[in-house]
Amino acid sequence: LFMGRLLTPEDYGVLFSLISISYIIGVISASVQTTMTKYTSQLKAKNEFSKLSYFWKYSLKKSFIFGITTTVLFFMITPFLSNYLHLSSQVPALILFLSILFAYALPTNQGILRGLQKFIPFGITQTLWAFLNFTLGIAFVYLGFSVSGALAPFLIANIIVFIISFYFLKDLIK
């Protein structure tokens, strides 16, 4: 609603064209979170916390590798995508695709939280992510950053919530 009022119709269309791409990534990241939840709950039920710690670290490393690979691939197709969508600048797409670095790592941590049945910390990370996206998006667009300002919170929220999720998983780090 706010973006519809703050952006021009052309910018609004560009924003939601790019956000639709992030929905595709969101489906994959949701499956990462679900998989992490399943295996975490199984290891928790068996009281195998040392295996859980290893599983988390291994999965986090693989999530970052997959995120880097996906980001590089999207960076490579950005010129073609920008041409296809008739974008005046590639910067909004690059900002969105940079957020993919954390698109699998954050759900890894959130899946662990959910599998450990730490529902309040899990809810905090989910709510904080949405709150940051909403408030920063409105603020950046209001300040004149247009589509790039609307997409930058995806990256910022991913980084902040990812870092905060480590606090809730501090027992596994040891």
C-alpha atoms as a PDB file:
ATOM      1  CA  LEU A   1       0.000   0.000   0.000  1.00  0.00           C
ATOM      2  CA  PHE A   2       2.778   2.429   0.947  1.00  0.00           C
ATOM      3  CA  MET A   3       4.841   1.521  -2.104  1.00  0.00           C
ATOM      4  CA  GLY A   4       1.819   2.098  -4.323  1.00  0.00           C
ATOM      5  CA  ARG A   5       1.573   5.628  -2.961  1.00  0.00           C
ATOM      6  CA  LEU A   6       5.284   6.471  -2.777  1.00  0.00           C
ATOM      7  CA  LEU A   7       6.533   5.019  -6.068  1.00  0.00           C
ATOM      8  CA  THR A   8       5.647   5.945  -9.619  1.00  0.00           C
ATOM      9  CA  PRO A   9       3.578   3.345 -11.490  1.00  0.00           C
ATOM     10  CA  GLU A  10       6.660   2.335 -13.499  1.00  0.00           C
ATOM     11  CA  ASP A  11       8.795   1.922 -10.375  1.00  0.00           C
ATOM     12  CA  TYR A  12       5.994   0.030  -8.653  1.00  0.00           C
ATOM     13  CA  GLY A  13       5.886  -2.410 -11.565  1.00  0.00           C
ATOM     14  CA  VAL A  14       9.674  -2.859 -11.479  1.00  0.00           C
ATOM     15  CA  LEU A  15       9.570  -3.449  -7.716  1.00  0.00           C
ATOM     16  CA  PHE A  16       6.993  -6.179  -7.916  1.00  0.00           C
ATOM     17  CA  SER A  17       8.615  -7.800 -10.944  1.00  0.00           C
ATOM     18  CA  LEU A  18      11.799  -8.146  -8.933  1.00  0.00           C
ATOM     19  CA  ILE A  19       9.980  -9.198  -5.767  1.00  0.00           C
ATOM     20  CA  SER A  20       8.291 -11.994  -7.724  1.00  0.00           C
ATOM     21  CA  ILE A  21      11.762 -13.381  -8.409  1.00  0.00           C
ATOM     22  CA  SER A  22      12.469 -13.326  -4.679  1.00  0.00           C
ATOM     23  CA  TYR A  23       9.311 -15.399  -4.126  1.00  0.00           C
ATOM     24  CA  ILE A  24      10.888 -18.185  -6.166  1.00  0.00           C
ATOM     25  CA  ILE A  25      13.952 -18.052  -3.931  1.00  0.00           C
ATOM     26  CA  GLY A  26      11.595 -17.963  -0.945  1.00  0.00           C
ATOM     27  CA  VAL A  27      10.126 -21.332  -1.898  1.00  0.00           C
ATOM     28  CA  ILE A  28      13.582 -22.896  -1.884  1.00  0.00           C
ATOM     29  CA  SER A  29      14.550 -21.222   1.391  1.00  0.00           C
ATOM     30  CA  ALA A  30      11.296 -22.404   3.001  1.00  0.00           C
ATOM     31  CA  SER A  31      12.209 -25.966   2.090  1.00  0.00           C
ATOM     32  CA  VAL A  32      15.641 -25.419   3.697  1.00  0.00           C
ATOM     33  CA  GLN A  33      13.924 -24.283   6.885  1.00  0.00           C
ATOM     34  CA  THR A  34      11.537 -27.240   6.880  1.00  0.00           C
ATOM     35  CA  THR A  35      14.357 -29.720   6.312  1.00  0.00           C
ATOM     36  CA  MET A  36      16.416 -28.176   9.102  1.00  0.00           C
ATOM     37  CA  THR A  37      13.414 -28.360  11.435  1.00  0.00           C
ATOM     38  CA  LYS A  38      12.858 -32.016  10.690  1.00  0.00           C
ATOM     39  CA  TYR A  39      16.412 -33.163  11.300  1.00  0.00           C
ATOM     40  CA  THR A  40      16.896 -30.887  14.301  1.00  0.00           C
ATOM     41  CA  SER A  41      13.794 -32.245  16.012  1.00  0.00           C
ATOM     42  CA  GLN A  42      14.963 -35.817  15.366  1.00  0.00           C
ATOM     43  CA  LEU A  43      18.404 -35.129  16.856  1.00  0.00           C
ATOM     44  CA  LYS A  44      16.852 -33.283  19.801  1.00  0.00           C
ATOM     45  CA  ALA A  45      14.517 -36.212  20.505  1.00  0.00           C
ATOM     46  CA  LYS A  46      17.582 -38.498  20.720  1.00  0.00           C
ATOM     47  CA  ASN A  47      19.490 -35.952  22.876  1.00  0.00           C
ATOM     48  CA  GLU A  48      22.302 -35.922  20.308  1.00  0.00           C
ATOM     49  CA  PHE A  49      23.285 -32.285  20.765  1.00  0.00           C
ATOM     50  CA  SER A  50      26.896 -32.784  19.642  1.00  0.00           C
ATOM     51  CA  LYS A  51      25.607 -34.190  16.348  1.00  0.00           C
ATOM     52  CA  LEU A  52      23.131 -31.327  16.175  1.00  0.00           C
ATOM     53  CA  SER A  53      25.923 -28.796  16.593  1.00  0.00           C
ATOM     54  CA  TYR A  54      27.896 -30.448  13.807  1.00  0.00           C
ATOM     55  CA  PHE A  55      24.775 -30.677  11.613  1.00  0.00           C
ATOM     56  CA  TRP A  56      24.060 -26.978  12.125  1.00  0.00           C
ATOM     57  CA  LYS A  57      27.610 -25.862  11.301  1.00  0.00           C
ATOM     58  CA  TYR A  58      27.771 -28.155   8.266  1.00  0.00           C
ATOM     59  CA  SER A  59      24.372 -27.007   6.997  1.00  0.00           C
ATOM     60  CA  LEU A  60      25.222 -23.350   7.558  1.00  0.00           C
ATOM     61  CA  LYS A  61      28.397 -23.725   5.528  1.00  0.00           C
ATOM     62  CA  LYS A  62      26.514 -25.459   2.709  1.00  0.00           C
ATOM     63  CA  SER A  63      23.778 -22.796   2.843  1.00  0.00           C
ATOM     64  CA  PHE A  64      26.340 -20.046   2.366  1.00  0.00           C
ATOM     65  CA  ILE A  65      27.981 -21.908  -0.507  1.00  0.00           C
ATOM     66  CA  PHE A  66      24.585 -22.349  -2.159  1.00  0.00           C
ATOM     67  CA  GLY A  67      23.739 -18.690  -1.483  1.00  0.00           C
ATOM     68  CA  ILE A  68      27.013 -17.510  -3.027  1.00  0.00           C
ATOM     69  CA  THR A  69      26.509 -19.742  -6.052  1.00  0.00           C
ATOM     70  CA  THR A  70      22.937 -18.554  -6.554  1.00  0.00           C
ATOM     71  CA  THR A  71      23.959 -14.916  -6.119  1.00  0.00           C
ATOM     72  CA  VAL A  72      26.738 -15.247  -8.698  1.00  0.00           C
ATOM     73  CA  LEU A  73      24.353 -16.899 -11.168  1.00  0.00           C
ATOM     74  CA  PHE A  74      21.788 -14.134 -10.710  1.00  0.00           C
ATOM     75  CA  PHE A  75      24.489 -11.482 -11.049  1.00  0.00           C
ATOM     76  CA  MET A  76      25.431 -13.077 -14.372  1.00  0.00           C
ATOM     77  CA  ILE A  77      21.867 -12.945 -15.711  1.00  0.00           C
ATOM     78  CA  THR A  78      21.176  -9.430 -14.394  1.00  0.00           C
ATOM     79  CA  PRO A  79      22.019  -7.693 -17.709  1.00  0.00           C
ATOM     80  CA  PHE A  80      19.620  -9.978 -19.599  1.00  0.00           C
ATOM     81  CA  LEU A  81      16.935  -9.642 -16.937  1.00  0.00           C
ATOM     82  CA  SER A  82      17.313  -5.846 -16.886  1.00  0.00           C
ATOM     83  CA  ASN A  83      16.967  -5.756 -20.643  1.00  0.00           C
ATOM     84  CA  TYR A  84      13.929  -8.047 -20.579  1.00  0.00           C
ATOM     85  CA  LEU A  85      12.195  -6.001 -17.864  1.00  0.00           C
ATOM     86  CA  HIS A  86      13.293  -2.711 -19.463  1.00  0.00           C
ATOM     87  CA  LEU A  87      14.974  -1.575 -16.256  1.00  0.00           C
ATOM     88  CA  SER A  88      16.680   1.794 -16.475  1.00  0.00           C
ATOM     89  CA  SER A  89      19.282   0.606 -13.954  1.00  0.00           C
ATOM     90  CA  GLN A  90      20.617  -2.773 -12.887  1.00  0.00           C
ATOM     91  CA  VAL A  91      21.203  -1.574  -9.311  1.00  0.00           C
ATOM     92  CA  PRO A  92      17.791  -2.642  -7.878  1.00  0.00           C
ATOM     93  CA  ALA A  93      18.215  -6.157  -9.261  1.00  0.00           C
ATOM     94  CA  LEU A  94      21.773  -6.373  -7.952  1.00  0.00           C
ATOM     95  CA  ILE A  95      20.646  -5.246  -4.491  1.00  0.00           C
ATOM     96  CA  LEU A  96      17.919  -7.879  -4.409  1.00  0.00           C
ATOM     97  CA  PHE A  97      20.230 -10.599  -5.665  1.00  0.00           C
ATOM     98  CA  LEU A  98      22.840  -9.678  -3.071  1.00  0.00           C
ATOM     99  CA  SER A  99      20.294 -10.528  -0.381  1.00  0.00           C
ATOM    100  CA  ILE A 100      20.315 -14.110  -1.697  1.00  0.00           C
ATOM    101  CA  LEU A 101      23.644 -14.567   0.098  1.00  0.00           C
ATOM    102  CA  PHE A 102      21.605 -14.987   3.291  1.00  0.00           C
ATOM    103  CA  ALA A 103      18.466 -16.466   1.730  1.00  0.00           C
ATOM    104  CA  TYR A 104      19.421 -20.008   2.752  1.00  0.00           C
ATOM    105  CA  ALA A 105      21.591 -19.324   5.817  1.00  0.00           C
ATOM    106  CA  LEU A 106      18.890 -17.446   7.730  1.00  0.00           C
ATOM    107  CA  PRO A 107      16.292 -20.225   7.201  1.00  0.00           C
ATOM    108  CA  THR A 108      18.947 -22.693   8.352  1.00  0.00           C
ATOM    109  CA  ASN A 109      19.160 -20.910  11.696  1.00  0.00           C
ATOM    110  CA  GLN A 110      15.409 -20.451  11.894  1.00  0.00           C
ATOM    111  CA  GLY A 111      14.838 -24.126  11.119  1.00  0.00           C
ATOM    112  CA  ILE A 112      17.184 -25.061  13.944  1.00  0.00           C
ATOM    113  CA  LEU A 113      15.290 -22.754  16.320  1.00  0.00           C
ATOM    114  CA  ARG A 114      11.982 -24.282  15.298  1.00  0.00           C
ATOM    115  CA  GLY A 115      13.325 -27.824  15.556  1.00  0.00           C
ATOM    116  CA  LEU A 116      14.617 -27.086  19.063  1.00  0.00           C
ATOM    117  CA  GLN A 117      11.122 -25.791  19.862  1.00  0.00           C
ATOM    118  CA  LYS A 118      12.456 -22.340  20.670  1.00  0.00           C
ATOM    119  CA  PHE A 119       9.303 -20.790  19.343  1.00  0.00           C
ATOM    120  CA  ILE A 120       9.654 -17.369  20.960  1.00  0.00           C
ATOM    121  CA  PRO A 121      13.149 -16.749  19.490  1.00  0.00           C
ATOM    122  CA  PHE A 122      11.908 -18.164  16.192  1.00  0.00           C
ATOM    123  CA  GLY A 123       8.941 -15.790  16.286  1.00  0.00           C
ATOM    124  CA  ILE A 124      11.208 -12.887  17.190  1.00  0.00           C
ATOM    125  CA  THR A 125      13.394 -13.514  14.142  1.00  0.00           C
ATOM    126  CA  GLN A 126      10.383 -13.832  11.848  1.00  0.00           C
ATOM    127  CA  THR A 127       8.701 -10.704  13.217  1.00  0.00           C
ATOM    128  CA  LEU A 128      11.879  -8.641  13.275  1.00  0.00           C
ATOM    129  CA  TRP A 129      12.607  -9.552   9.648  1.00  0.00           C
ATOM    130  CA  ALA A 130       9.143  -8.409   8.562  1.00  0.00           C
ATOM    131  CA  PHE A 131       9.293  -5.265  10.705  1.00  0.00           C
ATOM    132  CA  LEU A 132      12.701  -4.252   9.336  1.00  0.00           C
ATOM    133  CA  ASN A 133      11.588  -4.827   5.746  1.00  0.00           C
ATOM    134  CA  PHE A 134       8.459  -2.777   6.258  1.00  0.00           C
ATOM    135  CA  THR A 135       9.896   0.176   8.148  1.00  0.00           C
ATOM    136  CA  LEU A 136      13.197   0.447   6.299  1.00  0.00           C
ATOM    137  CA  GLY A 137      11.460   0.040   2.938  1.00  0.00           C
ATOM    138  CA  ILE A 138       9.087   2.903   3.635  1.00  0.00           C
ATOM    139  CA  ALA A 139      11.880   5.067   5.065  1.00  0.00           C
ATOM    140  CA  PHE A 140      14.253   4.488   2.142  1.00  0.00           C
ATOM    141  CA  VAL A 141      11.604   5.094  -0.497  1.00  0.00           C
ATOM    142  CA  TYR A 142      10.387   8.193   1.350  1.00  0.00           C
ATOM    143  CA  LEU A 143      13.991   9.457   1.407  1.00  0.00           C
ATOM    144  CA  GLY A 144      14.096   9.156  -2.384  1.00  0.00           C
ATOM    145  CA  PHE A 145      15.893   5.866  -2.987  1.00  0.00           C
ATOM    146  CA  SER A 146      13.006   4.564  -5.116  1.00  0.00           C
ATOM    147  CA  VAL A 147      13.078   0.868  -6.077  1.00  0.00           C
ATOM    148  CA  SER A 148      16.584   0.372  -4.695  1.00  0.00           C
ATOM    149  CA  GLY A 149      15.380   1.735  -1.379  1.00  0.00           C
ATOM    150  CA  ALA A 150      12.445  -0.643  -1.356  1.00  0.00           C
ATOM    151  CA  LEU A 151      14.715  -3.642  -2.039  1.00  0.00           C
ATOM    152  CA  ALA A 152      17.671  -2.751   0.211  1.00  0.00           C
ATOM    153  CA  PRO A 153      15.791  -3.809   3.370  1.00  0.00           C
ATOM    154  CA  PHE A 154      15.767  -7.391   2.091  1.00  0.00           C
ATOM    155  CA  LEU A 155      19.546  -7.442   2.419  1.00  0.00           C
ATOM    156  CA  ILE A 156      19.694  -5.383   5.613  1.00  0.00           C
ATOM    157  CA  ALA A 157      16.988  -7.402   7.389  1.00  0.00           C
ATOM    158  CA  ASN A 158      18.615 -10.685   6.359  1.00  0.00           C
ATOM    159  CA  ILE A 159      21.970  -9.610   7.798  1.00  0.00           C
ATOM    160  CA  ILE A 160      20.583  -8.193  11.054  1.00  0.00           C
ATOM    161  CA  VAL A 161      18.243 -11.100  11.768  1.00  0.00           C
ATOM    162  CA  PHE A 162      20.913 -13.623  10.797  1.00  0.00           C
ATOM    163  CA  ILE A 163      23.314 -12.104  13.337  1.00  0.00           C
ATOM    164  CA  ILE A 164      20.608 -11.973  16.027  1.00  0.00           C
ATOM    165  CA  SER A 165      19.711 -15.613  15.400  1.00  0.00           C
ATOM    166  CA  PHE A 166      23.208 -16.563  16.558  1.00  0.00           C
ATOM    167  CA  TYR A 167      22.391 -15.205  19.998  1.00  0.00           C
ATOM    168  CA  PHE A 168      19.465 -17.610  20.236  1.00  0.00           C
ATOM    169  CA  LEU A 169      21.695 -20.491  19.088  1.00  0.00           C
ATOM    170  CA  LYS A 170      24.621 -19.678  21.371  1.00  0.00           C
ATOM    171  CA  ASP A 171      24.346 -23.090  23.095  1.00  0.00           C
ATOM    172  CA  LEU A 172      25.093 -24.868  19.811  1.00  0.00           C
ATOM    173  CA  ILE A 173      28.148 -22.734  19.115  1.00  0.00           C
ATOM    174  CA  LYS A 174      29.970 -24.138  22.163  1.00  0.00           C
END
